[in-house]
Amino acid sequence: QDKGYYRVYNLNGTMAEANTSYYHNSIGGYHGAKMKRYQDLYDSAIMADTQEMVNDLQQGDPHFDRYGVINMLNVKYITFGAEAGNVIPNPAANGPAWFVSQVVPVSSVNDELAETGRINTRTQAVIDQTRFKVSLTGTADSMATVSLLEQRPNYLKYETQAATGGVVVFSEIYYPEGWVATINGEPATIIRANYVLRALEVPAGKQSIEFRFEPRAYTIGNRVTQASSWLLVLLLAAVLGVSSRRE
């Protein structure tokens, strides 16, 4: 049993089956309200990688480092059947997060999607320069590291170490309606990279990065609920106080 944080890619009905998602973190699974952006990525870049990979596997000569989009989704295992032996490990998965050495700027959504399917996702990141301003172009430190320290559905914590500042790509979906990021406790701007993923500009040295899912509506509702609860407690205490004095 692999205890690491990774995803599984089931080649059998990727977007129409739910069994894989029940047991593993998966890049597929069925849901009536899936994100259009992710569906676009699947229909173009993921399918292109898949076709190339299947052809290579049929010839007995897979080149896992060439399946850039599959790798950026941290796919460590590929399955193609229900039998225990129908699992192929992917040694080229990018992992939960990584520094890139080059930022590839584009100026449209279509170019962003197209370039994501062309680049080496391990060393490059595509960023729409009309939406996101990036001052760093990458890191020259080939020894820079990113470690995932903690992972929950609504919380992620990483630690980075690099001699120079750079751009870190996270194998997590970019969703600005709720996710917030901090670096050493200070707010940080989340950038969209490679059409669907998150990225941050990270300073040199040892840094602590945290992502929290705090949608505004939920946060406000939660605070209102807490305030109402305290008000109810105070009201109850006042009623009990009046009652005891009467006795």
C-alpha atoms as a PDB file:
ATOM      1  CA  GLN A   1       0.000   0.000   0.000  1.00  0.00           C
ATOM      2  CA  ASP A   2       1.421   3.352  -1.101  1.00  0.00           C
ATOM      3  CA  LYS A   3       0.899   5.895   1.715  1.00  0.00           C
ATOM      4  CA  GLY A   4       1.972   8.873  -0.391  1.00  0.00           C
ATOM      5  CA  TYR A   5      -0.220  11.620  -1.819  1.00  0.00           C
ATOM      6  CA  TYR A   6      -0.884  10.829  -5.477  1.00  0.00           C
ATOM      7  CA  ARG A   7      -3.647  10.250  -8.030  1.00  0.00           C
ATOM      8  CA  VAL A   8      -4.819   7.286 -10.071  1.00  0.00           C
ATOM      9  CA  TYR A   9      -5.873   7.361 -13.723  1.00  0.00           C
ATOM     10  CA  ASN A  10      -8.386   4.675 -14.718  1.00  0.00           C
ATOM     11  CA  LEU A  11      -8.355   4.291 -18.503  1.00  0.00           C
ATOM     12  CA  ASN A  12     -11.712   2.484 -18.457  1.00  0.00           C
ATOM     13  CA  GLY A  13     -14.434   5.129 -18.644  1.00  0.00           C
ATOM     14  CA  THR A  14     -12.420   7.849 -16.942  1.00  0.00           C
ATOM     15  CA  MET A  15     -15.222  10.402 -16.695  1.00  0.00           C
ATOM     16  CA  ALA A  16     -18.069   7.893 -16.431  1.00  0.00           C
ATOM     17  CA  GLU A  17     -17.066   5.684 -13.490  1.00  0.00           C
ATOM     18  CA  ALA A  18     -16.876   6.403  -9.768  1.00  0.00           C
ATOM     19  CA  ASN A  19     -15.241   3.284  -8.293  1.00  0.00           C
ATOM     20  CA  THR A  20     -11.710   4.647  -8.582  1.00  0.00           C
ATOM     21  CA  SER A  21     -12.652   7.887  -6.835  1.00  0.00           C
ATOM     22  CA  TYR A  22     -14.217   5.882  -3.990  1.00  0.00           C
ATOM     23  CA  TYR A  23     -10.915   4.191  -3.156  1.00  0.00           C
ATOM     24  CA  HIS A  24      -8.282   6.628  -4.425  1.00  0.00           C
ATOM     25  CA  ASN A  25      -7.579  10.219  -5.357  1.00  0.00           C
ATOM     26  CA  SER A  26      -8.457  10.114  -9.047  1.00  0.00           C
ATOM     27  CA  ILE A  27      -8.216  12.427 -12.046  1.00  0.00           C
ATOM     28  CA  GLY A  28     -11.569  11.120 -13.286  1.00  0.00           C
ATOM     29  CA  GLY A  29     -14.942  10.242 -11.833  1.00  0.00           C
ATOM     30  CA  TYR A  30     -18.490  11.203 -12.717  1.00  0.00           C
ATOM     31  CA  HIS A  31     -20.240  14.317 -11.452  1.00  0.00           C
ATOM     32  CA  GLY A  32     -23.044  16.286 -13.042  1.00  0.00           C
ATOM     33  CA  ALA A  33     -21.455  19.596 -12.025  1.00  0.00           C
ATOM     34  CA  LYS A  34     -17.831  19.121 -13.049  1.00  0.00           C
ATOM     35  CA  MET A  35     -15.728  22.169 -13.897  1.00  0.00           C
ATOM     36  CA  LYS A  36     -15.848  23.140 -17.573  1.00  0.00           C
ATOM     37  CA  ARG A  37     -12.194  24.155 -17.521  1.00  0.00           C
ATOM     38  CA  TYR A  38     -11.168  20.688 -16.336  1.00  0.00           C
ATOM     39  CA  GLN A  39     -13.415  19.058 -18.946  1.00  0.00           C
ATOM     40  CA  ASP A  40     -11.709  21.197 -21.613  1.00  0.00           C
ATOM     41  CA  LEU A  41      -8.320  19.998 -20.393  1.00  0.00           C
ATOM     42  CA  TYR A  42      -9.501  16.393 -20.472  1.00  0.00           C
ATOM     43  CA  ASP A  43     -10.976  16.648 -23.969  1.00  0.00           C
ATOM     44  CA  SER A  44      -7.776  18.076 -25.411  1.00  0.00           C
ATOM     45  CA  ALA A  45      -4.517  17.656 -23.521  1.00  0.00           C
ATOM     46  CA  ILE A  46      -5.315  14.655 -21.301  1.00  0.00           C
ATOM     47  CA  MET A  47      -6.784  12.705 -24.212  1.00  0.00           C
ATOM     48  CA  ALA A  48      -3.767  13.547 -26.392  1.00  0.00           C
ATOM     49  CA  ASP A  49      -1.402  12.278 -23.682  1.00  0.00           C
ATOM     50  CA  THR A  50      -3.564   9.193 -23.202  1.00  0.00           C
ATOM     51  CA  GLN A  51      -3.581   8.266 -26.876  1.00  0.00           C
ATOM     52  CA  GLU A  52       0.190   8.610 -27.059  1.00  0.00           C
ATOM     53  CA  MET A  53       0.650   6.595 -23.878  1.00  0.00           C
ATOM     54  CA  VAL A  54      -1.677   3.782 -24.988  1.00  0.00           C
ATOM     55  CA  ASN A  55       0.142   3.529 -28.323  1.00  0.00           C
ATOM     56  CA  ASP A  56       3.490   3.384 -26.519  1.00  0.00           C
ATOM     57  CA  LEU A  57       2.226   0.736 -24.087  1.00  0.00           C
ATOM     58  CA  GLN A  58       0.898  -1.396 -26.929  1.00  0.00           C
ATOM     59  CA  GLN A  59       4.358  -1.295 -28.466  1.00  0.00           C
ATOM     60  CA  GLY A  60       5.928  -2.098 -25.112  1.00  0.00           C
ATOM     61  CA  ASP A  61       7.908   1.143 -25.064  1.00  0.00           C
ATOM     62  CA  PRO A  62       6.313   3.758 -22.761  1.00  0.00           C
ATOM     63  CA  HIS A  63       7.960   7.178 -22.371  1.00  0.00           C
ATOM     64  CA  PHE A  64       6.360   8.451 -19.174  1.00  0.00           C
ATOM     65  CA  ASP A  65       8.360  11.679 -19.129  1.00  0.00           C
ATOM     66  CA  ARG A  66       6.579  12.759 -22.340  1.00  0.00           C
ATOM     67  CA  TYR A  67       3.045  12.684 -20.888  1.00  0.00           C
ATOM     68  CA  GLY A  68       3.298  16.164 -19.388  1.00  0.00           C
ATOM     69  CA  VAL A  69      -0.343  16.820 -18.520  1.00  0.00           C
ATOM     70  CA  ILE A  70      -0.816  13.409 -16.913  1.00  0.00           C
ATOM     71  CA  ASN A  71       2.379  14.009 -14.928  1.00  0.00           C
ATOM     72  CA  MET A  72       1.335  17.478 -13.717  1.00  0.00           C
ATOM     73  CA  LEU A  73      -1.855  15.920 -12.309  1.00  0.00           C
ATOM     74  CA  ASN A  74       0.393  13.761 -10.116  1.00  0.00           C
ATOM     75  CA  VAL A  75      -0.763  10.486 -11.670  1.00  0.00           C
ATOM     76  CA  LYS A  76       1.440   7.875 -10.032  1.00  0.00           C
ATOM     77  CA  TYR A  77      -0.582   4.834 -11.090  1.00  0.00           C
ATOM     78  CA  ILE A  78      -2.511   4.011 -14.269  1.00  0.00           C
ATOM     79  CA  THR A  79      -5.143   1.262 -14.205  1.00  0.00           C
ATOM     80  CA  PHE A  80      -6.885  -0.465 -17.078  1.00  0.00           C
ATOM     81  CA  GLY A  81      -8.952  -3.206 -15.447  1.00  0.00           C
ATOM     82  CA  ALA A  82     -10.289  -4.669 -12.218  1.00  0.00           C
ATOM     83  CA  GLU A  83      -7.548  -7.282 -11.808  1.00  0.00           C
ATOM     84  CA  ALA A  84      -4.777  -6.618  -9.297  1.00  0.00           C
ATOM     85  CA  GLY A  85      -2.117  -6.847 -11.993  1.00  0.00           C
ATOM     86  CA  ASN A  86      -3.736  -4.241 -14.232  1.00  0.00           C
ATOM     87  CA  VAL A  87      -1.803  -1.370 -12.684  1.00  0.00           C
ATOM     88  CA  ILE A  88       1.093   0.502 -14.260  1.00  0.00           C
ATOM     89  CA  PRO A  89       3.297   2.718 -12.052  1.00  0.00           C
ATOM     90  CA  ASN A  90       4.272   6.086 -13.503  1.00  0.00           C
ATOM     91  CA  PRO A  91       7.799   7.002 -12.367  1.00  0.00           C
ATOM     92  CA  ALA A  92       7.588  10.454 -13.994  1.00  0.00           C
ATOM     93  CA  ALA A  93       4.694  11.924 -11.974  1.00  0.00           C
ATOM     94  CA  ASN A  94       5.549  15.490 -10.968  1.00  0.00           C
ATOM     95  CA  GLY A  95       4.467  15.005  -7.368  1.00  0.00           C
ATOM     96  CA  PRO A  96       2.293  17.300  -5.212  1.00  0.00           C
ATOM     97  CA  ALA A  97       4.286  20.488  -6.031  1.00  0.00           C
ATOM     98  CA  TRP A  98       7.492  21.601  -7.747  1.00  0.00           C
ATOM     99  CA  PHE A  99       9.613  24.594  -8.730  1.00  0.00           C
ATOM    100  CA  VAL A 100       9.776  25.400 -12.445  1.00  0.00           C
ATOM    101  CA  SER A 101      12.766  26.878 -14.232  1.00  0.00           C
ATOM    102  CA  GLN A 102      10.771  28.740 -16.888  1.00  0.00           C
ATOM    103  CA  VAL A 103       7.469  30.604 -17.142  1.00  0.00           C
ATOM    104  CA  VAL A 104       5.834  30.492 -20.586  1.00  0.00           C
ATOM    105  CA  PRO A 105       3.660  33.631 -20.968  1.00  0.00           C
ATOM    106  CA  VAL A 106       0.529  33.560 -23.135  1.00  0.00           C
ATOM    107  CA  SER A 107      -2.150  36.143 -23.844  1.00  0.00           C
ATOM    108  CA  SER A 108      -5.351  34.128 -24.277  1.00  0.00           C
ATOM    109  CA  VAL A 109      -7.245  31.203 -22.797  1.00  0.00           C
ATOM    110  CA  ASN A 110      -6.912  29.211 -26.018  1.00  0.00           C
ATOM    111  CA  ASP A 111      -3.140  29.694 -26.068  1.00  0.00           C
ATOM    112  CA  GLU A 112      -2.956  28.712 -22.410  1.00  0.00           C
ATOM    113  CA  LEU A 113      -4.690  25.404 -23.093  1.00  0.00           C
ATOM    114  CA  ALA A 114      -2.686  24.706 -26.250  1.00  0.00           C
ATOM    115  CA  GLU A 115       0.701  25.465 -24.645  1.00  0.00           C
ATOM    116  CA  THR A 116      -0.133  23.357 -21.597  1.00  0.00           C
ATOM    117  CA  GLY A 117      -0.328  20.357 -23.908  1.00  0.00           C
ATOM    118  CA  ARG A 118       3.078  21.161 -25.441  1.00  0.00           C
ATOM    119  CA  ILE A 119       5.368  22.089 -22.571  1.00  0.00           C
ATOM    120  CA  ASN A 120       7.491  20.007 -20.225  1.00  0.00           C
ATOM    121  CA  THR A 121       5.306  20.518 -17.155  1.00  0.00           C
ATOM    122  CA  ARG A 122       8.125  19.475 -14.821  1.00  0.00           C
ATOM    123  CA  THR A 123      10.288  22.452 -15.759  1.00  0.00           C
ATOM    124  CA  GLN A 124       7.866  24.929 -17.361  1.00  0.00           C
ATOM    125  CA  ALA A 125       4.605  26.637 -16.419  1.00  0.00           C
ATOM    126  CA  VAL A 126       2.121  28.369 -18.729  1.00  0.00           C
ATOM    127  CA  ILE A 127       0.642  31.572 -17.291  1.00  0.00           C
ATOM    128  CA  ASP A 128      -1.846  33.953 -18.906  1.00  0.00           C
ATOM    129  CA  GLN A 129      -0.045  37.293 -18.611  1.00  0.00           C
ATOM    130  CA  THR A 130      -3.267  39.233 -19.266  1.00  0.00           C
ATOM    131  CA  ARG A 131      -4.754  37.838 -16.036  1.00  0.00           C
ATOM    132  CA  PHE A 132      -1.754  37.303 -13.770  1.00  0.00           C
ATOM    133  CA  LYS A 133       1.367  39.401 -13.307  1.00  0.00           C
ATOM    134  CA  VAL A 134       4.438  37.339 -12.505  1.00  0.00           C
ATOM    135  CA  SER A 135       7.690  39.078 -11.636  1.00  0.00           C
ATOM    136  CA  LEU A 136       9.721  35.886 -11.266  1.00  0.00           C
ATOM    137  CA  THR A 137      10.404  33.782 -14.339  1.00  0.00           C
ATOM    138  CA  GLY A 138      11.550  30.618 -12.614  1.00  0.00           C
ATOM    139  CA  THR A 139      14.310  29.445 -10.310  1.00  0.00           C
ATOM    140  CA  ALA A 140      17.912  28.841 -11.242  1.00  0.00           C
ATOM    141  CA  ASP A 141      18.357  26.574  -8.217  1.00  0.00           C
ATOM    142  CA  SER A 142      18.275  23.000  -9.498  1.00  0.00           C
ATOM    143  CA  MET A 143      18.350  21.754  -5.897  1.00  0.00           C
ATOM    144  CA  ALA A 144      15.198  23.655  -4.844  1.00  0.00           C
ATOM    145  CA  THR A 145      12.670  21.451  -3.034  1.00  0.00           C
ATOM    146  CA  VAL A 146       8.985  21.473  -2.140  1.00  0.00           C
ATOM    147  CA  SER A 147       7.625  19.125   0.537  1.00  0.00           C
ATOM    148  CA  LEU A 148       3.974  18.439   1.322  1.00  0.00           C
ATOM    149  CA  LEU A 149       3.709  18.338   5.115  1.00  0.00           C
ATOM    150  CA  GLU A 150      -0.042  18.103   5.668  1.00  0.00           C
ATOM    151  CA  GLN A 151      -3.066  17.430   3.466  1.00  0.00           C
ATOM    152  CA  ARG A 152      -6.770  17.600   4.198  1.00  0.00           C
ATOM    153  CA  PRO A 153      -9.702  18.359   1.860  1.00  0.00           C
ATOM    154  CA  ASN A 154      -9.779  21.978   3.047  1.00  0.00           C
ATOM    155  CA  TYR A 155      -6.147  22.500   4.072  1.00  0.00           C
ATOM    156  CA  LEU A 156      -2.689  21.961   2.590  1.00  0.00           C
ATOM    157  CA  LYS A 157       0.704  22.793   4.066  1.00  0.00           C
ATOM    158  CA  TYR A 158       4.031  22.799   2.229  1.00  0.00           C
ATOM    159  CA  GLU A 159       7.625  23.726   2.953  1.00  0.00           C
ATOM    160  CA  THR A 160      10.002  25.065   0.312  1.00  0.00           C
ATOM    161  CA  GLN A 161      13.758  25.457   0.293  1.00  0.00           C
ATOM    162  CA  ALA A 162      15.556  27.317  -2.498  1.00  0.00           C
ATOM    163  CA  ALA A 163      18.642  29.466  -2.964  1.00  0.00           C
ATOM    164  CA  THR A 164      16.687  31.857  -5.193  1.00  0.00           C
ATOM    165  CA  GLY A 165      13.050  32.879  -5.429  1.00  0.00           C
ATOM    166  CA  GLY A 166      10.892  31.208  -8.040  1.00  0.00           C
ATOM    167  CA  VAL A 167       7.512  29.962  -9.177  1.00  0.00           C
ATOM    168  CA  VAL A 168       6.056  26.847  -7.557  1.00  0.00           C
ATOM    169  CA  VAL A 169       3.292  24.899  -9.284  1.00  0.00           C
ATOM    170  CA  PHE A 170       0.900  22.894  -7.111  1.00  0.00           C
ATOM    171  CA  SER A 171      -0.941  19.855  -8.436  1.00  0.00           C
ATOM    172  CA  GLU A 172      -4.243  21.229  -7.146  1.00  0.00           C
ATOM    173  CA  ILE A 173      -7.125  22.795  -9.070  1.00  0.00           C
ATOM    174  CA  TYR A 174      -7.163  26.582  -9.280  1.00  0.00           C
ATOM    175  CA  TYR A 175     -10.432  27.669  -7.699  1.00  0.00           C
ATOM    176  CA  PRO A 176     -10.407  31.302  -6.553  1.00  0.00           C
ATOM    177  CA  GLU A 177     -13.916  31.141  -5.048  1.00  0.00           C
ATOM    178  CA  GLY A 178     -12.728  29.973  -1.671  1.00  0.00           C
ATOM    179  CA  TRP A 179      -9.058  28.954  -1.628  1.00  0.00           C
ATOM    180  CA  VAL A 180      -6.654  31.400   0.015  1.00  0.00           C
ATOM    181  CA  ALA A 181      -2.885  31.100   0.410  1.00  0.00           C
ATOM    182  CA  THR A 182      -0.284  32.365   2.858  1.00  0.00           C
ATOM    183  CA  ILE A 183       3.514  32.306   2.866  1.00  0.00           C
ATOM    184  CA  ASN A 184       4.909  32.410   6.401  1.00  0.00           C
ATOM    185  CA  GLY A 185       1.494  33.601   7.547  1.00  0.00           C
ATOM    186  CA  GLU A 186       1.316  36.503   5.086  1.00  0.00           C
ATOM    187  CA  PRO A 187      -1.387  36.545   2.351  1.00  0.00           C
ATOM    188  CA  ALA A 188      -0.147  35.443  -1.073  1.00  0.00           C
ATOM    189  CA  THR A 189      -1.757  35.763  -4.494  1.00  0.00           C
ATOM    190  CA  ILE A 190      -2.678  32.442  -6.092  1.00  0.00           C
ATOM    191  CA  ILE A 191      -1.828  32.328  -9.798  1.00  0.00           C
ATOM    192  CA  ARG A 192      -3.445  30.035 -12.347  1.00  0.00           C
ATOM    193  CA  ALA A 193      -0.867  27.909 -14.162  1.00  0.00           C
ATOM    194  CA  ASN A 194      -1.170  25.286 -16.894  1.00  0.00           C
ATOM    195  CA  TYR A 195      -4.847  26.118 -17.447  1.00  0.00           C
ATOM    196  CA  VAL A 196      -6.152  24.430 -14.276  1.00  0.00           C
ATOM    197  CA  LEU A 197      -3.469  24.368 -11.572  1.00  0.00           C
ATOM    198  CA  ARG A 198      -2.317  26.734  -8.831  1.00  0.00           C
ATOM    199  CA  ALA A 199       1.013  28.522  -8.630  1.00  0.00           C
ATOM    200  CA  LEU A 200       2.730  30.924  -6.257  1.00  0.00           C
ATOM    201  CA  GLU A 201       5.735  33.207  -6.446  1.00  0.00           C
ATOM    202  CA  VAL A 202       7.881  32.011  -3.536  1.00  0.00           C
ATOM    203  CA  PRO A 203      10.877  33.889  -2.055  1.00  0.00           C
ATOM    204  CA  ALA A 204      14.306  32.350  -1.559  1.00  0.00           C
ATOM    205  CA  GLY A 205      15.142  30.441   1.591  1.00  0.00           C
ATOM    206  CA  LYS A 206      12.961  28.221   3.749  1.00  0.00           C
ATOM    207  CA  GLN A 207       9.275  29.097   3.436  1.00  0.00           C
ATOM    208  CA  SER A 208       6.059  27.746   4.949  1.00  0.00           C
ATOM    209  CA  ILE A 209       3.092  27.729   2.555  1.00  0.00           C
ATOM    210  CA  GLU A 210      -0.509  27.071   3.539  1.00  0.00           C
ATOM    211  CA  PHE A 211      -3.702  26.800   1.486  1.00  0.00           C
ATOM    212  CA  ARG A 212      -7.067  27.062   3.217  1.00  0.00           C
ATOM    213  CA  PHE A 213     -10.525  26.652   1.744  1.00  0.00           C
ATOM    214  CA  GLU A 214     -12.476  29.577   3.158  1.00  0.00           C
ATOM    215  CA  PRO A 215     -15.341  30.502   0.813  1.00  0.00           C
ATOM    216  CA  ARG A 216     -16.694  33.923   1.718  1.00  0.00           C
ATOM    217  CA  ALA A 217     -20.344  32.844   2.025  1.00  0.00           C
ATOM    218  CA  TYR A 218     -19.420  29.955   4.343  1.00  0.00           C
ATOM    219  CA  THR A 219     -17.105  32.108   6.457  1.00  0.00           C
ATOM    220  CA  ILE A 220     -19.726  34.831   6.921  1.00  0.00           C
ATOM    221  CA  GLY A 221     -22.440  32.255   7.659  1.00  0.00           C
ATOM    222  CA  ASN A 222     -20.206  30.520  10.190  1.00  0.00           C
ATOM    223  CA  ARG A 223     -19.480  33.796  11.996  1.00  0.00           C
ATOM    224  CA  VAL A 224     -23.180  34.673  12.077  1.00  0.00           C
ATOM    225  CA  THR A 225     -23.944  31.226  13.508  1.00  0.00           C
ATOM    226  CA  GLN A 226     -21.270  31.632  16.195  1.00  0.00           C
ATOM    227  CA  ALA A 227     -22.541  35.105  17.101  1.00  0.00           C
ATOM    228  CA  SER A 228     -26.114  33.793  17.283  1.00  0.00           C
ATOM    229  CA  SER A 229     -25.003  30.933  19.523  1.00  0.00           C
ATOM    230  CA  TRP A 230     -23.269  33.297  21.941  1.00  0.00           C
ATOM    231  CA  LEU A 231     -26.309  35.579  21.936  1.00  0.00           C
ATOM    232  CA  LEU A 232     -28.524  32.612  22.772  1.00  0.00           C
ATOM    233  CA  VAL A 233     -26.204  31.602  25.630  1.00  0.00           C
ATOM    234  CA  LEU A 234     -26.232  35.147  27.060  1.00  0.00           C
ATOM    235  CA  LEU A 235     -30.009  35.330  26.709  1.00  0.00           C
ATOM    236  CA  LEU A 236     -30.428  32.003  28.486  1.00  0.00           C
ATOM    237  CA  ALA A 237     -28.059  33.116  31.249  1.00  0.00           C
ATOM    238  CA  ALA A 238     -30.061  36.330  31.707  1.00  0.00           C
ATOM    239  CA  VAL A 239     -33.352  34.423  31.911  1.00  0.00           C
ATOM    240  CA  LEU A 240     -31.906  31.998  34.477  1.00  0.00           C
ATOM    241  CA  GLY A 241     -30.512  34.931  36.471  1.00  0.00           C
ATOM    242  CA  VAL A 242     -33.885  36.667  36.629  1.00  0.00           C
ATOM    243  CA  SER A 243     -35.582  33.395  37.557  1.00  0.00           C
ATOM    244  CA  SER A 244     -33.153  32.701  40.420  1.00  0.00           C
ATOM    245  CA  ARG A 245     -33.588  36.217  41.863  1.00  0.00           C
ATOM    246  CA  ARG A 246     -37.380  35.782  41.922  1.00  0.00           C
ATOM    247  CA  GLU A 247     -36.974  32.599  43.939  1.00  0.00           C
END
